[in-house]
């Protein structure tokens, strides 16, 4: 059986090769999502309404999930890479920053900033806004995409004379608030 120190360069080369392939995959998937599988508003302008773009049977959102998973696998291999090179990193870090206060502050920032980037998306709550008039053509979930039984006058959401249909179990209160009964 070979000793650890004899196989370590081969392991480093293997991990570096896998990281390179993963990084190229992440980059290629990013270009695929951005430039080929266009977002809905752009695709609708180029190919017409009610179209969705696919590549190998997967749409833009499915490729986004693969892009995310590839990135997470890359981070795992990066952590292994840093672990294998930890002594080298510490030695170079000590040579670059001679003062102990500088070492602690830069080391703290080098550790905390990546963790904040990793955790921040789970701490953020999105801002909810109503659709702007640019997106008024979109259907609400209760209308459906193929609802052809609705008269044309009710479909026109820009016409102020059309009144909204309120379900019977909702009563209007003063100041426009609604409550369920």
C-alpha atoms as a PDB file:
ATOM      1  CA  UNK A   1       0.000   0.000   0.000  1.00  0.00           C
ATOM      2  CA  UNK A   2       1.329   3.418  -0.940  1.00  0.00           C
ATOM      3  CA  UNK A   3       2.010   6.021   1.692  1.00  0.00           C
ATOM      4  CA  UNK A   4      -0.181   9.128   1.868  1.00  0.00           C
ATOM      5  CA  UNK A   5       2.626  11.531   0.926  1.00  0.00           C
ATOM      6  CA  UNK A   6       3.380   9.619  -2.281  1.00  0.00           C
ATOM      7  CA  UNK A   7      -0.198   9.706  -3.561  1.00  0.00           C
ATOM      8  CA  UNK A   8      -0.966  13.261  -2.409  1.00  0.00           C
ATOM      9  CA  UNK A   9       0.272  15.014  -5.606  1.00  0.00           C
ATOM     10  CA  UNK A  10      -1.846  12.636  -7.673  1.00  0.00           C
ATOM     11  CA  UNK A  11      -4.863  13.381  -5.458  1.00  0.00           C
ATOM     12  CA  UNK A  12      -4.218  17.129  -5.796  1.00  0.00           C
ATOM     13  CA  UNK A  13      -4.045  16.796  -9.572  1.00  0.00           C
ATOM     14  CA  UNK A  14      -7.280  14.790  -9.636  1.00  0.00           C
ATOM     15  CA  UNK A  15      -9.109  17.313  -7.433  1.00  0.00           C
ATOM     16  CA  UNK A  16      -7.787  20.236  -9.497  1.00  0.00           C
ATOM     17  CA  UNK A  17      -8.928  18.521 -12.703  1.00  0.00           C
ATOM     18  CA  UNK A  18     -12.414  17.866 -11.309  1.00  0.00           C
ATOM     19  CA  UNK A  19     -12.617  21.475 -10.118  1.00  0.00           C
ATOM     20  CA  UNK A  20     -11.648  22.720 -13.588  1.00  0.00           C
ATOM     21  CA  UNK A  21     -14.320  20.593 -15.265  1.00  0.00           C
ATOM     22  CA  UNK A  22     -16.939  21.735 -12.728  1.00  0.00           C
ATOM     23  CA  UNK A  23     -16.008  25.393 -13.207  1.00  0.00           C
ATOM     24  CA  UNK A  24     -16.276  25.082 -16.991  1.00  0.00           C
ATOM     25  CA  UNK A  25     -19.651  23.363 -16.533  1.00  0.00           C
ATOM     26  CA  UNK A  26     -20.880  26.160 -14.276  1.00  0.00           C
ATOM     27  CA  UNK A  27     -19.749  28.746 -16.823  1.00  0.00           C
ATOM     28  CA  UNK A  28     -21.303  26.883 -19.763  1.00  0.00           C
ATOM     29  CA  UNK A  29     -24.594  26.424 -17.913  1.00  0.00           C
ATOM     30  CA  UNK A  30     -24.614  30.127 -17.049  1.00  0.00           C
ATOM     31  CA  UNK A  31     -24.232  31.034 -20.719  1.00  0.00           C
ATOM     32  CA  UNK A  32     -26.911  28.481 -21.661  1.00  0.00           C
ATOM     33  CA  UNK A  33     -29.380  29.970 -19.187  1.00  0.00           C
ATOM     34  CA  UNK A  34     -28.558  33.584 -20.061  1.00  0.00           C
ATOM     35  CA  UNK A  35     -28.100  33.488 -23.839  1.00  0.00           C
ATOM     36  CA  UNK A  36     -29.898  30.406 -25.196  1.00  0.00           C
ATOM     37  CA  UNK A  37     -32.837  29.644 -22.888  1.00  0.00           C
ATOM     38  CA  UNK A  38     -34.087  33.217 -22.756  1.00  0.00           C
ATOM     39  CA  UNK A  39     -36.413  34.511 -20.025  1.00  0.00           C
ATOM     40  CA  UNK A  40     -40.139  34.509 -20.766  1.00  0.00           C
ATOM     41  CA  UNK A  41     -40.546  38.133 -21.805  1.00  0.00           C
ATOM     42  CA  UNK A  42     -37.632  37.923 -24.266  1.00  0.00           C
ATOM     43  CA  UNK A  43     -38.655  34.513 -25.616  1.00  0.00           C
ATOM     44  CA  UNK A  44     -42.242  35.717 -26.076  1.00  0.00           C
ATOM     45  CA  UNK A  45     -40.983  38.713 -28.044  1.00  0.00           C
ATOM     46  CA  UNK A  46     -38.862  36.523 -30.332  1.00  0.00           C
ATOM     47  CA  UNK A  47     -40.967  33.368 -30.672  1.00  0.00           C
ATOM     48  CA  UNK A  48     -44.495  34.541 -29.817  1.00  0.00           C
ATOM     49  CA  UNK A  49     -46.705  34.179 -26.764  1.00  0.00           C
ATOM     50  CA  UNK A  50     -47.188  30.888 -24.947  1.00  0.00           C
ATOM     51  CA  UNK A  51     -43.775  29.537 -25.872  1.00  0.00           C
ATOM     52  CA  UNK A  52     -41.157  28.017 -23.631  1.00  0.00           C
ATOM     53  CA  UNK A  53     -37.623  27.128 -24.637  1.00  0.00           C
ATOM     54  CA  UNK A  54     -36.129  23.681 -23.933  1.00  0.00           C
ATOM     55  CA  UNK A  55     -32.705  22.088 -24.356  1.00  0.00           C
ATOM     56  CA  UNK A  56     -32.397  18.315 -24.016  1.00  0.00           C
ATOM     57  CA  UNK A  57     -35.936  18.232 -22.640  1.00  0.00           C
ATOM     58  CA  UNK A  58     -35.206  20.672 -19.786  1.00  0.00           C
ATOM     59  CA  UNK A  59     -36.375  24.258 -19.512  1.00  0.00           C
ATOM     60  CA  UNK A  60     -34.541  27.299 -18.139  1.00  0.00           C
ATOM     61  CA  UNK A  61     -35.489  26.616 -14.516  1.00  0.00           C
ATOM     62  CA  UNK A  62     -34.403  22.958 -14.627  1.00  0.00           C
ATOM     63  CA  UNK A  63     -31.016  23.983 -16.018  1.00  0.00           C
ATOM     64  CA  UNK A  64     -30.812  26.570 -13.220  1.00  0.00           C
ATOM     65  CA  UNK A  65     -31.160  23.783 -10.655  1.00  0.00           C
ATOM     66  CA  UNK A  66     -28.382  21.822 -12.379  1.00  0.00           C
ATOM     67  CA  UNK A  67     -26.276  25.018 -12.383  1.00  0.00           C
ATOM     68  CA  UNK A  68     -26.824  25.384  -8.616  1.00  0.00           C
ATOM     69  CA  UNK A  69     -26.007  21.736  -7.865  1.00  0.00           C
ATOM     70  CA  UNK A  70     -22.845  21.935  -9.970  1.00  0.00           C
ATOM     71  CA  UNK A  71     -21.829  25.019  -7.988  1.00  0.00           C
ATOM     72  CA  UNK A  72     -22.403  23.234  -4.678  1.00  0.00           C
ATOM     73  CA  UNK A  73     -20.298  20.271  -5.814  1.00  0.00           C
ATOM     74  CA  UNK A  74     -17.591  22.734  -6.855  1.00  0.00           C
ATOM     75  CA  UNK A  75     -17.660  24.293  -3.362  1.00  0.00           C
ATOM     76  CA  UNK A  76     -17.253  20.824  -1.835  1.00  0.00           C
ATOM     77  CA  UNK A  77     -14.183  20.137  -3.965  1.00  0.00           C
ATOM     78  CA  UNK A  78     -12.850  23.615  -3.183  1.00  0.00           C
ATOM     79  CA  UNK A  79     -13.125  22.864   0.546  1.00  0.00           C
ATOM     80  CA  UNK A  80     -11.202  19.605   0.021  1.00  0.00           C
ATOM     81  CA  UNK A  81      -8.601  21.502  -2.018  1.00  0.00           C
ATOM     82  CA  UNK A  82      -8.146  24.125   0.726  1.00  0.00           C
ATOM     83  CA  UNK A  83      -7.910  21.397   3.384  1.00  0.00           C
ATOM     84  CA  UNK A  84      -5.152  19.602   1.473  1.00  0.00           C
ATOM     85  CA  UNK A  85      -3.212  22.865   1.041  1.00  0.00           C
ATOM     86  CA  UNK A  86      -3.875  24.306   4.507  1.00  0.00           C
ATOM     87  CA  UNK A  87      -0.245  24.241   5.706  1.00  0.00           C
ATOM     88  CA  UNK A  88       0.890  26.013   2.546  1.00  0.00           C
ATOM     89  CA  UNK A  89      -1.855  28.637   2.904  1.00  0.00           C
ATOM     90  CA  UNK A  90      -0.909  29.319   6.547  1.00  0.00           C
ATOM     91  CA  UNK A  91       2.791  29.595   5.701  1.00  0.00           C
ATOM     92  CA  UNK A  92       2.212  32.077   2.859  1.00  0.00           C
ATOM     93  CA  UNK A  93      -0.272  34.020   4.986  1.00  0.00           C
ATOM     94  CA  UNK A  94       2.301  34.394   7.802  1.00  0.00           C
ATOM     95  CA  UNK A  95       4.937  35.601   5.343  1.00  0.00           C
ATOM     96  CA  UNK A  96       2.627  38.178   3.758  1.00  0.00           C
ATOM     97  CA  UNK A  97       1.292  39.651   7.010  1.00  0.00           C
ATOM     98  CA  UNK A  98       3.958  39.901   9.683  1.00  0.00           C
ATOM     99  CA  UNK A  99       1.890  41.732  12.318  1.00  0.00           C
ATOM    100  CA  UNK A 100      -0.460  39.618  14.393  1.00  0.00           C
ATOM    101  CA  UNK A 101      -3.310  42.209  14.362  1.00  0.00           C
ATOM    102  CA  UNK A 102      -3.242  42.283  10.569  1.00  0.00           C
ATOM    103  CA  UNK A 103      -3.227  38.504  10.418  1.00  0.00           C
ATOM    104  CA  UNK A 104      -6.274  38.226  12.645  1.00  0.00           C
ATOM    105  CA  UNK A 105      -8.295  40.905  10.884  1.00  0.00           C
ATOM    106  CA  UNK A 106      -7.578  39.666   7.346  1.00  0.00           C
ATOM    107  CA  UNK A 107      -8.044  36.048   8.399  1.00  0.00           C
ATOM    108  CA  UNK A 108     -11.366  36.946  10.017  1.00  0.00           C
ATOM    109  CA  UNK A 109     -12.544  38.776   6.888  1.00  0.00           C
ATOM    110  CA  UNK A 110     -11.354  35.959   4.623  1.00  0.00           C
ATOM    111  CA  UNK A 111     -13.426  33.525   6.677  1.00  0.00           C
ATOM    112  CA  UNK A 112     -16.535  35.553   7.485  1.00  0.00           C
ATOM    113  CA  UNK A 113     -17.220  37.205   4.100  1.00  0.00           C
ATOM    114  CA  UNK A 114     -17.588  33.893   2.190  1.00  0.00           C
ATOM    115  CA  UNK A 115     -19.828  32.560   4.978  1.00  0.00           C
ATOM    116  CA  UNK A 116     -22.025  35.664   4.719  1.00  0.00           C
ATOM    117  CA  UNK A 117     -22.324  35.161   0.964  1.00  0.00           C
ATOM    118  CA  UNK A 118     -23.339  31.553   1.575  1.00  0.00           C
ATOM    119  CA  UNK A 119     -25.885  32.255   4.343  1.00  0.00           C
ATOM    120  CA  UNK A 120     -27.300  35.615   3.172  1.00  0.00           C
ATOM    121  CA  UNK A 121     -29.832  34.225   0.654  1.00  0.00           C
ATOM    122  CA  UNK A 122     -31.528  32.291   3.463  1.00  0.00           C
ATOM    123  CA  UNK A 123     -31.818  35.414   5.623  1.00  0.00           C
ATOM    124  CA  UNK A 124     -33.282  37.725   2.981  1.00  0.00           C
ATOM    125  CA  UNK A 125     -37.028  38.170   2.540  1.00  0.00           C
ATOM    126  CA  UNK A 126     -38.128  39.326  -0.917  1.00  0.00           C
ATOM    127  CA  UNK A 127     -39.969  42.558  -1.507  1.00  0.00           C
ATOM    128  CA  UNK A 128     -43.498  41.887  -2.755  1.00  0.00           C
ATOM    129  CA  UNK A 129     -44.880  44.332  -5.327  1.00  0.00           C
ATOM    130  CA  UNK A 130     -48.001  44.253  -7.470  1.00  0.00           C
ATOM    131  CA  UNK A 131     -47.543  43.723 -11.172  1.00  0.00           C
ATOM    132  CA  UNK A 132     -46.873  46.908 -13.089  1.00  0.00           C
ATOM    133  CA  UNK A 133     -48.880  47.817 -16.181  1.00  0.00           C
ATOM    134  CA  UNK A 134     -46.048  46.377 -18.316  1.00  0.00           C
ATOM    135  CA  UNK A 135     -47.176  42.921 -17.218  1.00  0.00           C
ATOM    136  CA  UNK A 136     -50.926  43.521 -17.327  1.00  0.00           C
ATOM    137  CA  UNK A 137     -51.277  40.984 -20.161  1.00  0.00           C
ATOM    138  CA  UNK A 138     -50.502  38.124 -17.774  1.00  0.00           C
ATOM    139  CA  UNK A 139     -53.386  35.982 -16.619  1.00  0.00           C
ATOM    140  CA  UNK A 140     -54.218  35.505 -12.962  1.00  0.00           C
ATOM    141  CA  UNK A 141     -54.203  31.885 -11.703  1.00  0.00           C
ATOM    142  CA  UNK A 142     -58.006  31.703 -11.551  1.00  0.00           C
ATOM    143  CA  UNK A 143     -58.368  32.755 -15.208  1.00  0.00           C
ATOM    144  CA  UNK A 144     -56.150  30.019 -16.609  1.00  0.00           C
ATOM    145  CA  UNK A 145     -54.379  30.126 -19.945  1.00  0.00           C
ATOM    146  CA  UNK A 146     -57.081  28.600 -22.134  1.00  0.00           C
ATOM    147  CA  UNK A 147     -60.164  30.296 -20.720  1.00  0.00           C
ATOM    148  CA  UNK A 148     -62.091  31.200 -23.868  1.00  0.00           C
ATOM    149  CA  UNK A 149     -65.543  31.292 -22.240  1.00  0.00           C
ATOM    150  CA  UNK A 150     -64.979  34.744 -20.757  1.00  0.00           C
ATOM    151  CA  UNK A 151     -66.470  37.565 -22.822  1.00  0.00           C
ATOM    152  CA  UNK A 152     -64.001  40.001 -24.361  1.00  0.00           C
ATOM    153  CA  UNK A 153     -65.282  42.869 -22.200  1.00  0.00           C
ATOM    154  CA  UNK A 154     -64.320  41.047 -18.968  1.00  0.00           C
ATOM    155  CA  UNK A 155     -60.867  40.143 -20.296  1.00  0.00           C
ATOM    156  CA  UNK A 156     -59.947  43.789 -20.882  1.00  0.00           C
ATOM    157  CA  UNK A 157     -58.242  44.728 -17.615  1.00  0.00           C
ATOM    158  CA  UNK A 158     -57.426  48.233 -18.831  1.00  0.00           C
ATOM    159  CA  UNK A 159     -61.109  49.168 -19.238  1.00  0.00           C
ATOM    160  CA  UNK A 160     -62.207  51.029 -16.054  1.00  0.00           C
ATOM    161  CA  UNK A 161     -65.878  50.250 -16.652  1.00  0.00           C
ATOM    162  CA  UNK A 162     -65.306  46.521 -16.052  1.00  0.00           C
ATOM    163  CA  UNK A 163     -65.847  45.719 -12.369  1.00  0.00           C
ATOM    164  CA  UNK A 164     -63.902  42.929 -10.660  1.00  0.00           C
ATOM    165  CA  UNK A 165     -65.751  39.754  -9.791  1.00  0.00           C
ATOM    166  CA  UNK A 166     -65.725  39.240  -6.002  1.00  0.00           C
ATOM    167  CA  UNK A 167     -66.506  35.751  -4.652  1.00  0.00           C
ATOM    168  CA  UNK A 168     -69.706  35.489  -2.585  1.00  0.00           C
ATOM    169  CA  UNK A 169     -67.912  34.430   0.612  1.00  0.00           C
ATOM    170  CA  UNK A 170     -65.950  37.731   0.778  1.00  0.00           C
ATOM    171  CA  UNK A 171     -67.592  40.831   2.253  1.00  0.00           C
ATOM    172  CA  UNK A 172     -66.183  44.283   1.729  1.00  0.00           C
ATOM    173  CA  UNK A 173     -65.542  46.374   4.828  1.00  0.00           C
ATOM    174  CA  UNK A 174     -64.952  50.087   5.083  1.00  0.00           C
ATOM    175  CA  UNK A 175     -61.693  51.483   3.712  1.00  0.00           C
ATOM    176  CA  UNK A 176     -61.460  48.721   1.101  1.00  0.00           C
ATOM    177  CA  UNK A 177     -60.467  45.910   3.457  1.00  0.00           C
ATOM    178  CA  UNK A 178     -61.817  42.466   2.757  1.00  0.00           C
ATOM    179  CA  UNK A 179     -62.679  39.644   5.138  1.00  0.00           C
ATOM    180  CA  UNK A 180     -63.823  36.097   4.645  1.00  0.00           C
ATOM    181  CA  UNK A 181     -67.125  35.050   6.165  1.00  0.00           C
END
